Amino acid sequence: AYTRGARLAQSKMAEVEAGLVSLSGEADGAFDDEDAAWRYKVLPEAAGPPNLYTVTVRVTRDIQGRPIEVSLTQMIFDPAVM
């Protein structure tokens, strides 16, 4: 489950890097199809220099009542202004 969560977090981070997810505020939702039980939250924070953000992607799921969470953090220049 942690491996799948890590891959989903990497996938969502790639969407942020590609500009498909805006860095203007938090974003959250659920994945599609066979990953519909997984939820994500994208948390951008300004990192100082213009257009640079520290982005955290959290992916969560409950399996048999036990919460699973994977978190990925990366610094990203806002692709909307690059």
C-alpha atoms as a PDB file:
ATOM      1  CA  ALA A   1       0.000   0.000   0.000  1.00  0.00           C
ATOM      2  CA  TYR A   2       2.845   2.421   0.792  1.00  0.00           C
ATOM      3  CA  THR A   3       4.462   1.731  -2.567  1.00  0.00           C
ATOM      4  CA  ARG A   4       1.204   2.459  -4.396  1.00  0.00           C
ATOM      5  CA  GLY A   5       0.720   5.614  -2.331  1.00  0.00           C
ATOM      6  CA  ALA A   6       4.244   6.786  -3.171  1.00  0.00           C
ATOM      7  CA  ARG A   7       3.640   6.275  -6.884  1.00  0.00           C
ATOM      8  CA  LEU A   8       0.364   8.172  -6.719  1.00  0.00           C
ATOM      9  CA  ALA A   9       2.090  11.038  -4.870  1.00  0.00           C
ATOM     10  CA  GLN A  10       4.819  11.132  -7.535  1.00  0.00           C
ATOM     11  CA  SER A  11       2.166  11.173 -10.241  1.00  0.00           C
ATOM     12  CA  LYS A  12       0.338  14.097  -8.636  1.00  0.00           C
ATOM     13  CA  MET A  13       3.634  15.971  -8.140  1.00  0.00           C
ATOM     14  CA  ALA A  14       4.348  15.507 -11.862  1.00  0.00           C
ATOM     15  CA  GLU A  15       0.970  17.109 -12.605  1.00  0.00           C
ATOM     16  CA  VAL A  16       1.976  20.073 -10.425  1.00  0.00           C
ATOM     17  CA  GLU A  17       5.297  20.378 -12.292  1.00  0.00           C
ATOM     18  CA  ALA A  18       3.466  20.272 -15.627  1.00  0.00           C
ATOM     19  CA  GLY A  19       1.120  23.078 -14.549  1.00  0.00           C
ATOM     20  CA  LEU A  20      -2.009  20.890 -14.458  1.00  0.00           C
ATOM     21  CA  VAL A  21      -2.491  21.682 -10.759  1.00  0.00           C
ATOM     22  CA  SER A  22      -2.403  25.356  -9.804  1.00  0.00           C
ATOM     23  CA  LEU A  23      -0.045  26.614  -7.106  1.00  0.00           C
ATOM     24  CA  SER A  24      -2.393  29.485  -6.217  1.00  0.00           C
ATOM     25  CA  GLY A  25      -3.926  27.497  -3.350  1.00  0.00           C
ATOM     26  CA  GLU A  26      -4.519  24.080  -1.860  1.00  0.00           C
ATOM     27  CA  ALA A  27      -6.041  21.373  -4.044  1.00  0.00           C
ATOM     28  CA  ASP A  28      -7.561  18.083  -2.991  1.00  0.00           C
ATOM     29  CA  GLY A  29      -9.619  15.258  -4.380  1.00  0.00           C
ATOM     30  CA  ALA A  30      -9.698  11.562  -5.128  1.00  0.00           C
ATOM     31  CA  PHE A  31      -7.926   9.541  -7.767  1.00  0.00           C
ATOM     32  CA  ASP A  32      -9.840   7.746 -10.532  1.00  0.00           C
ATOM     33  CA  ASP A  33     -10.681   4.144 -11.415  1.00  0.00           C
ATOM     34  CA  GLU A  34      -8.926   1.446  -9.366  1.00  0.00           C
ATOM     35  CA  ASP A  35      -7.290   4.111  -7.168  1.00  0.00           C
ATOM     36  CA  ALA A  36     -10.601   5.776  -6.196  1.00  0.00           C
ATOM     37  CA  ALA A  37     -10.075   4.850  -2.517  1.00  0.00           C
ATOM     38  CA  TRP A  38      -6.966   7.068  -2.432  1.00  0.00           C
ATOM     39  CA  ARG A  39      -7.310  10.805  -1.728  1.00  0.00           C
ATOM     40  CA  TYR A  40      -4.725  13.532  -2.304  1.00  0.00           C
ATOM     41  CA  LYS A  41      -4.015  17.022  -1.019  1.00  0.00           C
ATOM     42  CA  VAL A  42      -1.585  19.464  -2.661  1.00  0.00           C
ATOM     43  CA  LEU A  43      -0.183  22.097  -0.278  1.00  0.00           C
ATOM     44  CA  PRO A  44       1.907  24.855  -1.926  1.00  0.00           C
ATOM     45  CA  GLU A  45       3.807  27.385   0.195  1.00  0.00           C
ATOM     46  CA  ALA A  46       5.802  30.345  -1.084  1.00  0.00           C
ATOM     47  CA  ALA A  47       9.486  29.618  -0.479  1.00  0.00           C
ATOM     48  CA  GLY A  48      10.969  33.105  -0.636  1.00  0.00           C
ATOM     49  CA  PRO A  49      12.237  33.903  -4.133  1.00  0.00           C
ATOM     50  CA  PRO A  50       9.528  34.902  -6.622  1.00  0.00           C
ATOM     51  CA  ASN A  51       7.635  31.977  -8.171  1.00  0.00           C
ATOM     52  CA  LEU A  52       9.383  29.352  -6.017  1.00  0.00           C
ATOM     53  CA  TYR A  53       7.161  27.091  -3.927  1.00  0.00           C
ATOM     54  CA  THR A  54       7.636  24.267  -1.485  1.00  0.00           C
ATOM     55  CA  VAL A  55       4.963  21.812  -2.562  1.00  0.00           C
ATOM     56  CA  THR A  56       3.795  18.932  -0.394  1.00  0.00           C
ATOM     57  CA  VAL A  57       1.580  16.196  -1.812  1.00  0.00           C
ATOM     58  CA  ARG A  58      -0.170  14.001   0.765  1.00  0.00           C
ATOM     59  CA  VAL A  59      -1.865  10.808  -0.348  1.00  0.00           C
ATOM     60  CA  THR A  60      -4.108   8.951   2.098  1.00  0.00           C
ATOM     61  CA  ARG A  61      -6.276   5.860   2.314  1.00  0.00           C
ATOM     62  CA  ASP A  62      -7.853   3.700   5.008  1.00  0.00           C
ATOM     63  CA  ILE A  63      -7.263  -0.039   4.771  1.00  0.00           C
ATOM     64  CA  GLN A  64      -9.276  -2.126   7.201  1.00  0.00           C
ATOM     65  CA  GLY A  65      -9.671   0.887   9.491  1.00  0.00           C
ATOM     66  CA  ARG A  66      -5.964   1.737   9.494  1.00  0.00           C
ATOM     67  CA  PRO A  67      -4.936   5.053   7.922  1.00  0.00           C
ATOM     68  CA  ILE A  68      -2.143   4.980   5.357  1.00  0.00           C
ATOM     69  CA  GLU A  69      -0.433   8.284   4.467  1.00  0.00           C
ATOM     70  CA  VAL A  70       2.406   9.030   2.093  1.00  0.00           C
ATOM     71  CA  SER A  71       3.859  12.532   1.860  1.00  0.00           C
ATOM     72  CA  LEU A  72       6.172  13.945  -0.814  1.00  0.00           C
ATOM     73  CA  THR A  73       7.730  17.446  -0.649  1.00  0.00           C
ATOM     74  CA  GLN A  74       9.620  19.220  -3.420  1.00  0.00           C
ATOM     75  CA  MET A  75      10.589  22.767  -4.372  1.00  0.00           C
ATOM     76  CA  ILE A  76       9.045  23.827  -7.682  1.00  0.00           C
ATOM     77  CA  PHE A  77       9.098  26.985  -9.759  1.00  0.00           C
ATOM     78  CA  ASP A  78       5.546  27.914 -10.743  1.00  0.00           C
ATOM     79  CA  PRO A  79       5.151  26.546 -14.299  1.00  0.00           C
ATOM     80  CA  ALA A  80       2.391  29.097 -14.993  1.00  0.00           C
ATOM     81  CA  VAL A  81       4.974  31.918 -15.030  1.00  0.00           C
ATOM     82  CA  MET A  82       7.976  30.067 -16.447  1.00  0.00           C
END
